[in-house]
PDB file of N, CA and C in Angstrom:
ATOM      1  N   UNK A   1      62.653  95.119 264.028  1.00  0.00           N
ATOM      2  CA  UNK A   1      62.317  94.978 264.386  1.00  0.00           C
ATOM      3  C   UNK A   1      60.672  93.943 263.464  1.00  0.00           C
ATOM      4  N   UNK A   2      60.425  92.537 264.267  1.00  0.00           N
ATOM      5  CA  UNK A   2      60.077  91.206 263.440  1.00  0.00           C
ATOM      6  C   UNK A   2      58.059  92.292 263.363  1.00  0.00           C
ATOM      7  N   UNK A   3      57.739  91.246 262.255  1.00  0.00           N
ATOM      8  CA  UNK A   3      56.509  91.551 262.294  1.00  0.00           C
ATOM      9  C   UNK A   3      55.517  91.726 263.785  1.00  0.00           C
ATOM     10  N   UNK A   4      56.124  90.292 264.525  1.00  0.00           N
ATOM     11  CA  UNK A   4      55.161  90.043 265.674  1.00  0.00           C
ATOM     12  C   UNK A   4      55.396  90.788 266.794  1.00  0.00           C
ATOM     13  N   UNK A   5      56.410  92.477 266.486  1.00  0.00           N
ATOM     14  CA  UNK A   5      56.850  92.943 267.423  1.00  0.00           C
ATOM     15  C   UNK A   5      57.620  93.160 268.363  1.00  0.00           C
ATOM     16  N   UNK A   6      58.216  91.825 267.979  1.00  0.00           N
ATOM     17  CA  UNK A   6      59.749  91.455 268.695  1.00  0.00           C
ATOM     18  C   UNK A   6      60.920  92.552 268.115  1.00  0.00           C
ATOM     19  N   UNK A   7      61.907  92.550 269.223  1.00  0.00           N
ATOM     20  CA  UNK A   7      63.336  93.761 268.477  1.00  0.00           C
ATOM     21  C   UNK A   7      64.199  92.623 268.521  1.00  0.00           C
ATOM     22  N   UNK A   8      65.011  92.497 267.791  1.00  0.00           N
ATOM     23  CA  UNK A   8      66.198  91.504 268.084  1.00  0.00           C
ATOM     24  C   UNK A   8      67.350  93.104 267.872  1.00  0.00           C
ATOM     25  N   UNK A   9      68.385  92.790 268.672  1.00  0.00           N
ATOM     26  CA  UNK A   9      69.822  93.474 268.819  1.00  0.00           C
ATOM     27  C   UNK A   9      70.534  92.693 268.403  1.00  0.00           C
ATOM     28  N   UNK A  10      71.065  93.243 267.289  1.00  0.00           N
ATOM     29  CA  UNK A  10      72.476  92.056 267.047  1.00  0.00           C
ATOM     30  C   UNK A  10      73.548  92.428 267.431  1.00  0.00           C
ATOM     31  N   UNK A  11      73.898  93.817 267.211  1.00  0.00           N
ATOM     32  CA  UNK A  11      75.596  94.875 267.293  1.00  0.00           C
ATOM     33  C   UNK A  11      76.077  94.267 268.834  1.00  0.00           C
ATOM     34  N   UNK A  12      74.919  94.000 269.931  1.00  0.00           N
ATOM     35  CA  UNK A  12      75.321  93.803 271.145  1.00  0.00           C
ATOM     36  C   UNK A  12      75.644  92.074 271.402  1.00  0.00           C
ATOM     37  N   UNK A  13      75.285  91.223 270.364  1.00  0.00           N
ATOM     38  CA  UNK A  13      75.435  90.107 270.789  1.00  0.00           C
ATOM     39  C   UNK A  13      76.588  89.577 271.440  1.00  0.00           C
ATOM     40  N   UNK A  14      77.867  90.394 270.893  1.00  0.00           N
ATOM     41  CA  UNK A  14      79.116  89.643 271.117  1.00  0.00           C
ATOM     42  C   UNK A  14      79.239  90.272 272.615  1.00  0.00           C
ATOM     43  N   UNK A  15      78.628  90.928 272.941  1.00  0.00           N
ATOM     44  CA  UNK A  15      78.470  91.537 274.366  1.00  0.00           C
ATOM     45  C   UNK A  15      78.048  90.354 275.473  1.00  0.00           C
ATOM     46  N   UNK A  16      77.565  89.398 275.623  1.00  0.00           N
ATOM     47  CA  UNK A  16      76.987  88.687 276.135  1.00  0.00           C
ATOM     48  C   UNK A  16      77.565  87.222 275.751  1.00  0.00           C
ATOM     49  N   UNK A  17      78.047  86.842 277.047  1.00  0.00           N
ATOM     50  CA  UNK A  17      78.938  85.468 276.900  1.00  0.00           C
ATOM     51  C   UNK A  17      78.004  84.624 277.665  1.00  0.00           C
ATOM     52  N   UNK A  18      78.135  83.124 276.908  1.00  0.00           N
ATOM     53  CA  UNK A  18      77.114  82.146 277.286  1.00  0.00           C
ATOM     54  C   UNK A  18      78.063  81.055 278.195  1.00  0.00           C
ATOM     55  N   UNK A  19      78.096  81.029 279.027  1.00  0.00           N
ATOM     56  CA  UNK A  19      79.080  80.040 279.873  1.00  0.00           C
ATOM     57  C   UNK A  19      77.989  79.056 280.736  1.00  0.00           C
ATOM     58  N   UNK A  20      78.258  77.760 280.097  1.00  0.00           N
ATOM     59  CA  UNK A  20      77.471  76.804 280.944  1.00  0.00           C
ATOM     60  C   UNK A  20      75.937  76.958 281.002  1.00  0.00           C
ATOM     61  N   UNK A  21      75.448  77.604 279.923  1.00  0.00           N
ATOM     62  CA  UNK A  21      74.079  78.215 279.932  1.00  0.00           C
ATOM     63  C   UNK A  21      73.688  79.365 280.594  1.00  0.00           C
ATOM     64  N   UNK A  22      74.586  79.908 281.169  1.00  0.00           N
ATOM     65  CA  UNK A  22      74.625  81.242 281.969  1.00  0.00           C
ATOM     66  C   UNK A  22      74.658  82.280 281.050  1.00  0.00           C
ATOM     67  N   UNK A  23      74.153  82.995 281.245  1.00  0.00           N
ATOM     68  CA  UNK A  23      74.237  84.846 280.315  1.00  0.00           C
ATOM     69  C   UNK A  23      75.275  85.358 281.350  1.00  0.00           C
ATOM     70  N   UNK A  24      76.118  85.909 281.034  1.00  0.00           N
ATOM     71  CA  UNK A  24      77.010  87.043 281.227  1.00  0.00           C
ATOM     72  C   UNK A  24      77.314  88.177 280.646  1.00  0.00           C
ATOM     73  N   UNK A  25      76.745  89.304 281.228  1.00  0.00           N
ATOM     74  CA  UNK A  25      77.270  90.242 280.652  1.00  0.00           C
ATOM     75  C   UNK A  25      78.950  91.020 280.925  1.00  0.00           C
ATOM     76  N   UNK A  26      79.400  91.130 279.544  1.00  0.00           N
ATOM     77  CA  UNK A  26      80.983  91.445 279.611  1.00  0.00           C
ATOM     78  C   UNK A  26      80.727  92.851 280.324  1.00  0.00           C
ATOM     79  N   UNK A  27      79.707  93.779 280.211  1.00  0.00           N
ATOM     80  CA  UNK A  27      79.853  95.215 280.914  1.00  0.00           C
ATOM     81  C   UNK A  27      79.485  95.068 282.223  1.00  0.00           C
ATOM     82  N   UNK A  28      78.935  94.329 282.614  1.00  0.00           N
ATOM     83  CA  UNK A  28      79.089  94.277 284.192  1.00  0.00           C
ATOM     84  C   UNK A  28      79.802  93.839 284.785  1.00  0.00           C
ATOM     85  N   UNK A  29      80.792  92.954 284.210  1.00  0.00           N
ATOM     86  CA  UNK A  29      81.807  92.197 284.816  1.00  0.00           C
ATOM     87  C   UNK A  29      83.104  93.547 284.501  1.00  0.00           C
ATOM     88  N   UNK A  30      83.028  94.640 283.393  1.00  0.00           N
ATOM     89  CA  UNK A  30      83.899  95.368 283.089  1.00  0.00           C
ATOM     90  C   UNK A  30      83.843  96.127 284.243  1.00  0.00           C
ATOM     91  N   UNK A  31      82.332  96.631 284.750  1.00  0.00           N
ATOM     92  CA  UNK A  31      81.866  97.732 285.697  1.00  0.00           C
ATOM     93  C   UNK A  31      82.440  97.456 286.995  1.00  0.00           C
ATOM     94  N   UNK A  32      82.771  96.015 287.328  1.00  0.00           N
ATOM     95  CA  UNK A  32      83.007  95.585 288.761  1.00  0.00           C
ATOM     96  C   UNK A  32      84.835  95.982 288.468  1.00  0.00           C
ATOM     97  N   UNK A  33      85.389  95.412 287.380  1.00  0.00           N
ATOM     98  CA  UNK A  33      86.727  95.617 287.220  1.00  0.00           C
ATOM     99  C   UNK A  33      87.096  97.237 287.569  1.00  0.00           C
ATOM    100  N   UNK A  34      85.827  98.248 287.415  1.00  0.00           N
ATOM    101  CA  UNK A  34      86.430  99.599 286.946  1.00  0.00           C
ATOM    102  C   UNK A  34      85.880  99.993 288.630  1.00  0.00           C
ATOM    103  N   UNK A  35      85.704  99.370 289.645  1.00  0.00           N
ATOM    104  CA  UNK A  35      85.516  99.350 290.952  1.00  0.00           C
ATOM    105  C   UNK A  35      86.807  99.454 291.682  1.00  0.00           C
ATOM    106  N   UNK A  36      87.633  98.667 290.784  1.00  0.00           N
ATOM    107  CA  UNK A  36      88.887  98.281 291.781  1.00  0.00           C
ATOM    108  C   UNK A  36      89.759  99.611 291.683  1.00  0.00           C
ATOM    109  N   UNK A  37      90.577 100.048 292.737  1.00  0.00           N
ATOM    110  CA  UNK A  37      91.038 101.510 292.865  1.00  0.00           C
ATOM    111  C   UNK A  37      92.338 101.370 291.912  1.00  0.00           C
ATOM    112  N   UNK A  38      92.970 100.343 291.481  1.00  0.00           N
ATOM    113  CA  UNK A  38      94.431 100.101 290.597  1.00  0.00           C
ATOM    114  C   UNK A  38      94.063  99.842 289.009  1.00  0.00           C
ATOM    115  N   UNK A  39      92.693  99.335 288.843  1.00  0.00           N
ATOM    116  CA  UNK A  39      92.347  99.516 287.395  1.00  0.00           C
ATOM    117  C   UNK A  39      91.686 100.861 286.513  1.00  0.00           C
ATOM    118  N   UNK A  40      92.642 101.305 285.403  1.00  0.00           N
ATOM    119  CA  UNK A  40      92.625 102.239 284.907  1.00  0.00           C
ATOM    120  C   UNK A  40      91.442 102.209 283.644  1.00  0.00           C
ATOM    121  N   UNK A  41      91.699 100.668 282.891  1.00  0.00           N
ATOM    122  CA  UNK A  41      90.685 100.368 282.112  1.00  0.00           C
ATOM    123  C   UNK A  41      90.598  98.887 281.649  1.00  0.00           C
ATOM    124  N   UNK A  42      89.561  98.417 281.351  1.00  0.00           N
ATOM    125  CA  UNK A  42      89.091  97.029 281.373  1.00  0.00           C
ATOM    126  C   UNK A  42      88.071  96.879 280.271  1.00  0.00           C
ATOM    127  N   UNK A  43      88.098  95.846 279.689  1.00  0.00           N
ATOM    128  CA  UNK A  43      87.578  95.295 278.504  1.00  0.00           C
ATOM    129  C   UNK A  43      87.524  93.712 279.030  1.00  0.00           C
ATOM    130  N   UNK A  44      86.198  93.114 278.905  1.00  0.00           N
ATOM    131  CA  UNK A  44      85.939  91.660 279.007  1.00  0.00           C
ATOM    132  C   UNK A  44      85.364  91.240 277.288  1.00  0.00           C
ATOM    133  N   UNK A  45      86.258  90.213 277.442  1.00  0.00           N
ATOM    134  CA  UNK A  45      85.250  89.621 276.028  1.00  0.00           C
ATOM    135  C   UNK A  45      85.262  87.746 275.878  1.00  0.00           C
ATOM    136  N   UNK A  46      84.686  87.048 275.788  1.00  0.00           N
ATOM    137  CA  UNK A  46      84.414  85.387 275.662  1.00  0.00           C
ATOM    138  C   UNK A  46      85.463  84.874 275.121  1.00  0.00           C
ATOM    139  N   UNK A  47      85.911  83.856 275.725  1.00  0.00           N
ATOM    140  CA  UNK A  47      87.165  82.815 275.804  1.00  0.00           C
ATOM    141  C   UNK A  47      86.539  81.805 275.628  1.00  0.00           C
ATOM    142  N   UNK A  48      87.090  80.995 274.412  1.00  0.00           N
ATOM    143  CA  UNK A  48      86.325  79.675 274.217  1.00  0.00           C
ATOM    144  C   UNK A  48      86.969  78.719 275.452  1.00  0.00           C
ATOM    145  N   UNK A  49      85.989  77.702 275.678  1.00  0.00           N
ATOM    146  CA  UNK A  49      86.414  76.772 276.931  1.00  0.00           C
ATOM    147  C   UNK A  49      85.690  75.335 276.627  1.00  0.00           C
ATOM    148  N   UNK A  50      86.242  74.695 276.839  1.00  0.00           N
ATOM    149  CA  UNK A  50      85.997  72.973 276.520  1.00  0.00           C
ATOM    150  C   UNK A  50      84.677  72.719 277.326  1.00  0.00           C
ATOM    151  N   UNK A  51      84.963  72.726 278.394  1.00  0.00           N
ATOM    152  CA  UNK A  51      84.012  72.578 279.558  1.00  0.00           C
ATOM    153  C   UNK A  51      82.967  73.280 279.313  1.00  0.00           C
ATOM    154  N   UNK A  52      82.598  74.883 279.552  1.00  0.00           N
ATOM    155  CA  UNK A  52      81.462  75.635 279.880  1.00  0.00           C
ATOM    156  C   UNK A  52      80.948  76.390 278.563  1.00  0.00           C
ATOM    157  N   UNK A  53      81.904  75.904 277.246  1.00  0.00           N
ATOM    158  CA  UNK A  53      81.644  76.996 276.008  1.00  0.00           C
ATOM    159  C   UNK A  53      82.552  78.064 275.956  1.00  0.00           C
ATOM    160  N   UNK A  54      81.968  78.842 276.802  1.00  0.00           N
ATOM    161  CA  UNK A  54      83.143  80.399 276.770  1.00  0.00           C
ATOM    162  C   UNK A  54      83.158  81.021 278.593  1.00  0.00           C
ATOM    163  N   UNK A  55      84.048  81.461 278.404  1.00  0.00           N
ATOM    164  CA  UNK A  55      84.356  81.943 280.031  1.00  0.00           C
ATOM    165  C   UNK A  55      84.724  83.270 279.675  1.00  0.00           C
ATOM    166  N   UNK A  56      84.745  84.386 280.874  1.00  0.00           N
ATOM    167  CA  UNK A  56      85.180  85.241 280.471  1.00  0.00           C
ATOM    168  C   UNK A  56      86.344  85.669 280.694  1.00  0.00           C
ATOM    169  N   UNK A  57      87.189  86.700 279.984  1.00  0.00           N
ATOM    170  CA  UNK A  57      88.339  86.986 279.558  1.00  0.00           C
ATOM    171  C   UNK A  57      88.731  88.368 279.775  1.00  0.00           C
ATOM    172  N   UNK A  58      89.598  89.115 280.715  1.00  0.00           N
ATOM    173  CA  UNK A  58      89.206  90.344 281.121  1.00  0.00           C
ATOM    174  C   UNK A  58      90.645  90.895 280.456  1.00  0.00           C
ATOM    175  N   UNK A  59      90.828  92.261 279.797  1.00  0.00           N
ATOM    176  CA  UNK A  59      91.889  92.902 279.630  1.00  0.00           C
ATOM    177  C   UNK A  59      92.104  94.012 280.054  1.00  0.00           C
ATOM    178  N   UNK A  60      93.156  94.391 280.935  1.00  0.00           N
ATOM    179  CA  UNK A  60      92.922  95.402 282.318  1.00  0.00           C
ATOM    180  C   UNK A  60      94.561  96.125 282.428  1.00  0.00           C
ATOM    181  N   UNK A  61      94.074  97.424 281.962  1.00  0.00           N
ATOM    182  CA  UNK A  61      95.420  98.583 282.009  1.00  0.00           C
ATOM    183  C   UNK A  61      95.307  99.448 283.770  1.00  0.00           C
ATOM    184  N   UNK A  62      96.386  98.895 283.992  1.00  0.00           N
ATOM    185  CA  UNK A  62      96.310  99.655 285.278  1.00  0.00           C
ATOM    186  C   UNK A  62      96.537 100.889 285.874  1.00  0.00           C
ATOM    187  N   UNK A  63      96.651 101.834 286.143  1.00  0.00           N
ATOM    188  CA  UNK A  63      96.984 103.518 286.443  1.00  0.00           C
ATOM    189  C   UNK A  63      98.416 103.125 287.289  1.00  0.00           C
ATOM    190  N   UNK A  64      99.010 104.374 286.402  1.00  0.00           N
ATOM    191  CA  UNK A  64     100.693 103.854 286.296  1.00  0.00           C
ATOM    192  C   UNK A  64     101.313 104.091 287.742  1.00  0.00           C
ATOM    193  N   UNK A  65     100.274 104.632 288.280  1.00  0.00           N
ATOM    194  CA  UNK A  65     101.179 105.229 290.067  1.00  0.00           C
ATOM    195  C   UNK A  65     100.117 103.762 290.832  1.00  0.00           C
ATOM    196  N   UNK A  66      99.148 102.921 290.357  1.00  0.00           N
ATOM    197  CA  UNK A  66      98.873 102.132 291.462  1.00  0.00           C
ATOM    198  C   UNK A  66      99.857 100.947 292.143  1.00  0.00           C
ATOM    199  N   UNK A  67      99.850 100.571 293.248  1.00  0.00           N
ATOM    200  CA  UNK A  67     100.430  99.643 293.453  1.00  0.00           C
ATOM    201  C   UNK A  67      99.931  98.722 292.927  1.00  0.00           C
ATOM    202  N   UNK A  68     101.132  97.533 292.465  1.00  0.00           N
ATOM    203  CA  UNK A  68     100.931  95.985 291.979  1.00  0.00           C
ATOM    204  C   UNK A  68      99.955  95.459 292.151  1.00  0.00           C
ATOM    205  N   UNK A  69      98.999  94.703 291.288  1.00  0.00           N
ATOM    206  CA  UNK A  69      97.757  93.957 291.681  1.00  0.00           C
ATOM    207  C   UNK A  69      98.453  92.778 290.578  1.00  0.00           C
ATOM    208  N   UNK A  70      97.832  91.482 291.400  1.00  0.00           N
ATOM    209  CA  UNK A  70      98.081  90.330 290.526  1.00  0.00           C
ATOM    210  C   UNK A  70      96.332  90.067 289.695  1.00  0.00           C
ATOM    211  N   UNK A  71      96.797  88.767 288.945  1.00  0.00           N
ATOM    212  CA  UNK A  71      95.571  88.167 288.197  1.00  0.00           C
ATOM    213  C   UNK A  71      94.807  87.652 289.438  1.00  0.00           C
ATOM    214  N   UNK A  72      95.416  87.188 290.307  1.00  0.00           N
ATOM    215  CA  UNK A  72      94.467  86.637 291.422  1.00  0.00           C
ATOM    216  C   UNK A  72      93.904  87.241 291.707  1.00  0.00           C
ATOM    217  N   UNK A  73      94.624  88.629 292.188  1.00  0.00           N
ATOM    218  CA  UNK A  73      93.371  89.568 293.179  1.00  0.00           C
ATOM    219  C   UNK A  73      92.863  90.180 292.546  1.00  0.00           C
ATOM    220  N   UNK A  74      92.864  90.355 291.599  1.00  0.00           N
ATOM    221  CA  UNK A  74      91.694  91.060 290.254  1.00  0.00           C
ATOM    222  C   UNK A  74      90.267  90.081 290.438  1.00  0.00           C
ATOM    223  N   UNK A  75      91.030  88.724 290.103  1.00  0.00           N
ATOM    224  CA  UNK A  75      89.606  87.402 290.069  1.00  0.00           C
ATOM    225  C   UNK A  75      88.698  87.237 291.545  1.00  0.00           C
ATOM    226  N   UNK A  76      89.707  87.519 292.687  1.00  0.00           N
ATOM    227  CA  UNK A  76      88.918  87.555 293.999  1.00  0.00           C
ATOM    228  C   UNK A  76      88.284  88.862 294.105  1.00  0.00           C
ATOM    229  N   UNK A  77      88.475  90.060 293.687  1.00  0.00           N
ATOM    230  CA  UNK A  77      87.775  90.893 293.683  1.00  0.00           C
ATOM    231  C   UNK A  77      86.538  90.890 293.289  1.00  0.00           C
ATOM    232  N   UNK A  78      86.461  90.344 291.744  1.00  0.00           N
ATOM    233  CA  UNK A  78      85.557  90.158 290.928  1.00  0.00           C
ATOM    234  C   UNK A  78      84.169  89.216 291.548  1.00  0.00           C
ATOM    235  N   UNK A  79      84.935  88.116 292.247  1.00  0.00           N
ATOM    236  CA  UNK A  79      84.526  87.330 292.570  1.00  0.00           C
ATOM    237  C   UNK A  79      83.786  87.840 293.972  1.00  0.00           C
ATOM    238  N   UNK A  80      84.356  88.580 295.026  1.00  0.00           N
ATOM    239  CA  UNK A  80      83.663  89.164 296.014  1.00  0.00           C
ATOM    240  C   UNK A  80      82.222  90.011 295.306  1.00  0.00           C
ATOM    241  N   UNK A  81      82.639  90.796 294.589  1.00  0.00           N
ATOM    242  CA  UNK A  81      81.315  91.801 293.974  1.00  0.00           C
ATOM    243  C   UNK A  81      80.829  91.662 293.544  1.00  0.00           C
ATOM    244  N   UNK A  82      80.622  90.090 292.568  1.00  0.00           N
ATOM    245  CA  UNK A  82      79.780  89.920 291.702  1.00  0.00           C
ATOM    246  C   UNK A  82      79.294  88.100 292.036  1.00  0.00           C
ATOM    247  N   UNK A  83      78.243  87.620 291.242  1.00  0.00           N
ATOM    248  CA  UNK A  83      78.498  85.562 291.322  1.00  0.00           C
ATOM    249  C   UNK A  83      79.656  85.058 290.671  1.00  0.00           C
ATOM    250  N   UNK A  84      79.895  84.582 291.655  1.00  0.00           N
ATOM    251  CA  UNK A  84      81.518  83.569 291.243  1.00  0.00           C
ATOM    252  C   UNK A  84      81.834  83.359 289.678  1.00  0.00           C
ATOM    253  N   UNK A  85      80.683  82.672 289.181  1.00  0.00           N
ATOM    254  CA  UNK A  85      80.456  82.128 287.433  1.00  0.00           C
ATOM    255  C   UNK A  85      80.398  83.277 286.741  1.00  0.00           C
ATOM    256  N   UNK A  86      80.575  84.638 287.309  1.00  0.00           N
ATOM    257  CA  UNK A  86      80.910  85.696 286.248  1.00  0.00           C
ATOM    258  C   UNK A  86      82.003  86.301 286.082  1.00  0.00           C
ATOM    259  N   UNK A  87      82.916  85.975 287.102  1.00  0.00           N
ATOM    260  CA  UNK A  87      84.288  86.630 287.116  1.00  0.00           C
ATOM    261  C   UNK A  87      85.148  85.768 286.477  1.00  0.00           C
ATOM    262  N   UNK A  88      85.852  86.683 285.521  1.00  0.00           N
ATOM    263  CA  UNK A  88      87.123  86.244 285.072  1.00  0.00           C
ATOM    264  C   UNK A  88      88.005  85.426 284.916  1.00  0.00           C
ATOM    265  N   UNK A  89      88.168  84.395 284.229  1.00  0.00           N
ATOM    266  CA  UNK A  89      88.817  82.851 284.136  1.00  0.00           C
ATOM    267  C   UNK A  89      90.498  83.562 284.136  1.00  0.00           C
ATOM    268  N   UNK A  90      90.490  84.510 283.015  1.00  0.00           N
ATOM    269  CA  UNK A  90      92.153  84.692 282.770  1.00  0.00           C
ATOM    270  C   UNK A  90      91.730  86.739 282.839  1.00  0.00           C
ATOM    271  N   UNK A  91      92.857  87.173 283.368  1.00  0.00           N
ATOM    272  CA  UNK A  91      93.337  88.491 283.084  1.00  0.00           C
ATOM    273  C   UNK A  91      94.524  89.051 282.619  1.00  0.00           C
ATOM    274  N   UNK A  92      94.489  89.587 281.371  1.00  0.00           N
ATOM    275  CA  UNK A  92      95.635  89.617 280.556  1.00  0.00           C
ATOM    276  C   UNK A  92      95.936  91.701 280.753  1.00  0.00           C
ATOM    277  N   UNK A  93      97.089  91.841 281.534  1.00  0.00           N
ATOM    278  CA  UNK A  93      97.403  93.125 281.677  1.00  0.00           C
ATOM    279  C   UNK A  93      97.954  93.532 280.494  1.00  0.00           C
ATOM    280  N   UNK A  94      98.091  95.211 280.369  1.00  0.00           N
ATOM    281  CA  UNK A  94      98.897  96.002 279.076  1.00  0.00           C
ATOM    282  C   UNK A  94      97.520  97.011 278.339  1.00  0.00           C
ATOM    283  N   UNK A  95      98.222  97.401 277.480  1.00  0.00           N
ATOM    284  CA  UNK A  95      97.529  98.861 276.838  1.00  0.00           C
ATOM    285  C   UNK A  95      96.354  98.338 275.943  1.00  0.00           C
ATOM    286  N   UNK A  96      94.958  98.811 276.538  1.00  0.00           N
ATOM    287  CA  UNK A  96      93.999  98.293 275.082  1.00  0.00           C
ATOM    288  C   UNK A  96      94.182  98.392 273.779  1.00  0.00           C
ATOM    289  N   UNK A  97      93.918  98.175 272.820  1.00  0.00           N
ATOM    290  CA  UNK A  97      93.809  98.876 271.476  1.00  0.00           C
ATOM    291  C   UNK A  97      92.563  99.358 271.202  1.00  0.00           C
ATOM    292  N   UNK A  98      93.002 100.369 270.259  1.00  0.00           N
ATOM    293  CA  UNK A  98      91.961 101.383 270.011  1.00  0.00           C
ATOM    294  C   UNK A  98      91.793 102.147 268.982  1.00  0.00           C
ATOM    295  N   UNK A  99      90.588 102.257 268.234  1.00  0.00           N
ATOM    296  CA  UNK A  99      90.318 103.105 267.170  1.00  0.00           C
ATOM    297  C   UNK A  99      91.078 104.714 267.304  1.00  0.00           C
ATOM    298  N   UNK A 100      90.866 105.115 265.976  1.00  0.00           N
ATOM    299  CA  UNK A 100      91.779 106.372 266.377  1.00  0.00           C
ATOM    300  C   UNK A 100      90.290 107.196 266.684  1.00  0.00           C
ATOM    301  N   UNK A 101      89.069 107.001 267.143  1.00  0.00           N
ATOM    302  CA  UNK A 101      88.277 107.416 268.184  1.00  0.00           C
ATOM    303  C   UNK A 101      88.145 106.813 269.675  1.00  0.00           C
ATOM    304  N   UNK A 102      89.355 106.145 269.741  1.00  0.00           N
ATOM    305  CA  UNK A 102      89.330 105.904 271.142  1.00  0.00           C
ATOM    306  C   UNK A 102      88.534 104.661 271.518  1.00  0.00           C
ATOM    307  N   UNK A 103      88.079 103.950 270.645  1.00  0.00           N
ATOM    308  CA  UNK A 103      86.857 102.940 271.308  1.00  0.00           C
ATOM    309  C   UNK A 103      87.791 101.431 270.973  1.00  0.00           C
ATOM    310  N   UNK A 104      87.572 101.004 272.402  1.00  0.00           N
ATOM    311  CA  UNK A 104      88.143  99.610 272.814  1.00  0.00           C
ATOM    312  C   UNK A 104      88.060  98.648 271.734  1.00  0.00           C
ATOM    313  N   UNK A 105      89.162  97.968 270.724  1.00  0.00           N
ATOM    314  CA  UNK A 105      88.717  97.252 269.741  1.00  0.00           C
ATOM    315  C   UNK A 105      88.739  95.984 270.001  1.00  0.00           C
ATOM    316  N   UNK A 106      87.280  95.459 270.651  1.00  0.00           N
ATOM    317  CA  UNK A 106      87.270  94.255 271.480  1.00  0.00           C
ATOM    318  C   UNK A 106      87.335  93.034 270.133  1.00  0.00           C
ATOM    319  N   UNK A 107      87.315  93.084 268.965  1.00  0.00           N
ATOM    320  CA  UNK A 107      87.473  91.852 267.842  1.00  0.00           C
ATOM    321  C   UNK A 107      89.208  91.526 268.282  1.00  0.00           C
ATOM    322  N   UNK A 108      89.969  92.538 268.296  1.00  0.00           N
ATOM    323  CA  UNK A 108      91.102  92.360 268.337  1.00  0.00           C
ATOM    324  C   UNK A 108      91.569  91.737 270.024  1.00  0.00           C
ATOM    325  N   UNK A 109      90.958  92.070 270.328  1.00  0.00           N
ATOM    326  CA  UNK A 109      90.798  91.222 272.367  1.00  0.00           C
ATOM    327  C   UNK A 109      90.352  89.748 271.994  1.00  0.00           C
ATOM    328  N   UNK A 110      89.266  89.046 271.149  1.00  0.00           N
ATOM    329  CA  UNK A 110      88.744  88.359 271.085  1.00  0.00           C
ATOM    330  C   UNK A 110      89.561  87.587 270.591  1.00  0.00           C
ATOM    331  N   UNK A 111      90.651  87.865 269.466  1.00  0.00           N
ATOM    332  CA  UNK A 111      91.459  87.038 269.046  1.00  0.00           C
ATOM    333  C   UNK A 111      92.610  86.773 270.112  1.00  0.00           C
ATOM    334  N   UNK A 112      92.888  87.478 270.570  1.00  0.00           N
ATOM    335  CA  UNK A 112      93.975  87.373 271.357  1.00  0.00           C
ATOM    336  C   UNK A 112      93.269  86.211 272.982  1.00  0.00           C
ATOM    337  N   UNK A 113      92.167  86.355 273.352  1.00  0.00           N
ATOM    338  CA  UNK A 113      92.040  85.767 274.140  1.00  0.00           C
ATOM    339  C   UNK A 113      91.487  84.131 273.692  1.00  0.00           C
ATOM    340  N   UNK A 114      91.553  84.182 272.404  1.00  0.00           N
ATOM    341  CA  UNK A 114      91.475  82.807 271.355  1.00  0.00           C
ATOM    342  C   UNK A 114      92.763  82.198 271.745  1.00  0.00           C
ATOM    343  N   UNK A 115      94.192  82.891 271.948  1.00  0.00           N
ATOM    344  CA  UNK A 115      95.283  82.023 271.780  1.00  0.00           C
ATOM    345  C   UNK A 115      95.734  81.606 273.135  1.00  0.00           C
TER     346      UNK A 115
END
């Protein structure tokens, strides 16, 4: 807390993507992805972008018994359920890296998104 009463949260700063001057909450994008019936797990991080600064990049694990879903289908689902600029530009399928307590290791995903 600052002397003027302003509270600054630093821990969640990486959960906001700034794309073309617009703030995008990674949690909001993840919540939309979780509403898709094929999605078991989802995590969203910022991916560097020359034009926009950063864009959302989603990492998704599908249900084993779910029908195959494509990157384009999930992006379209997000665009149908939120502002278009908030939708992920890329979706990477596979298991999410986790700590021993089960928390998603977003720093690992940020490194993968940069590549």
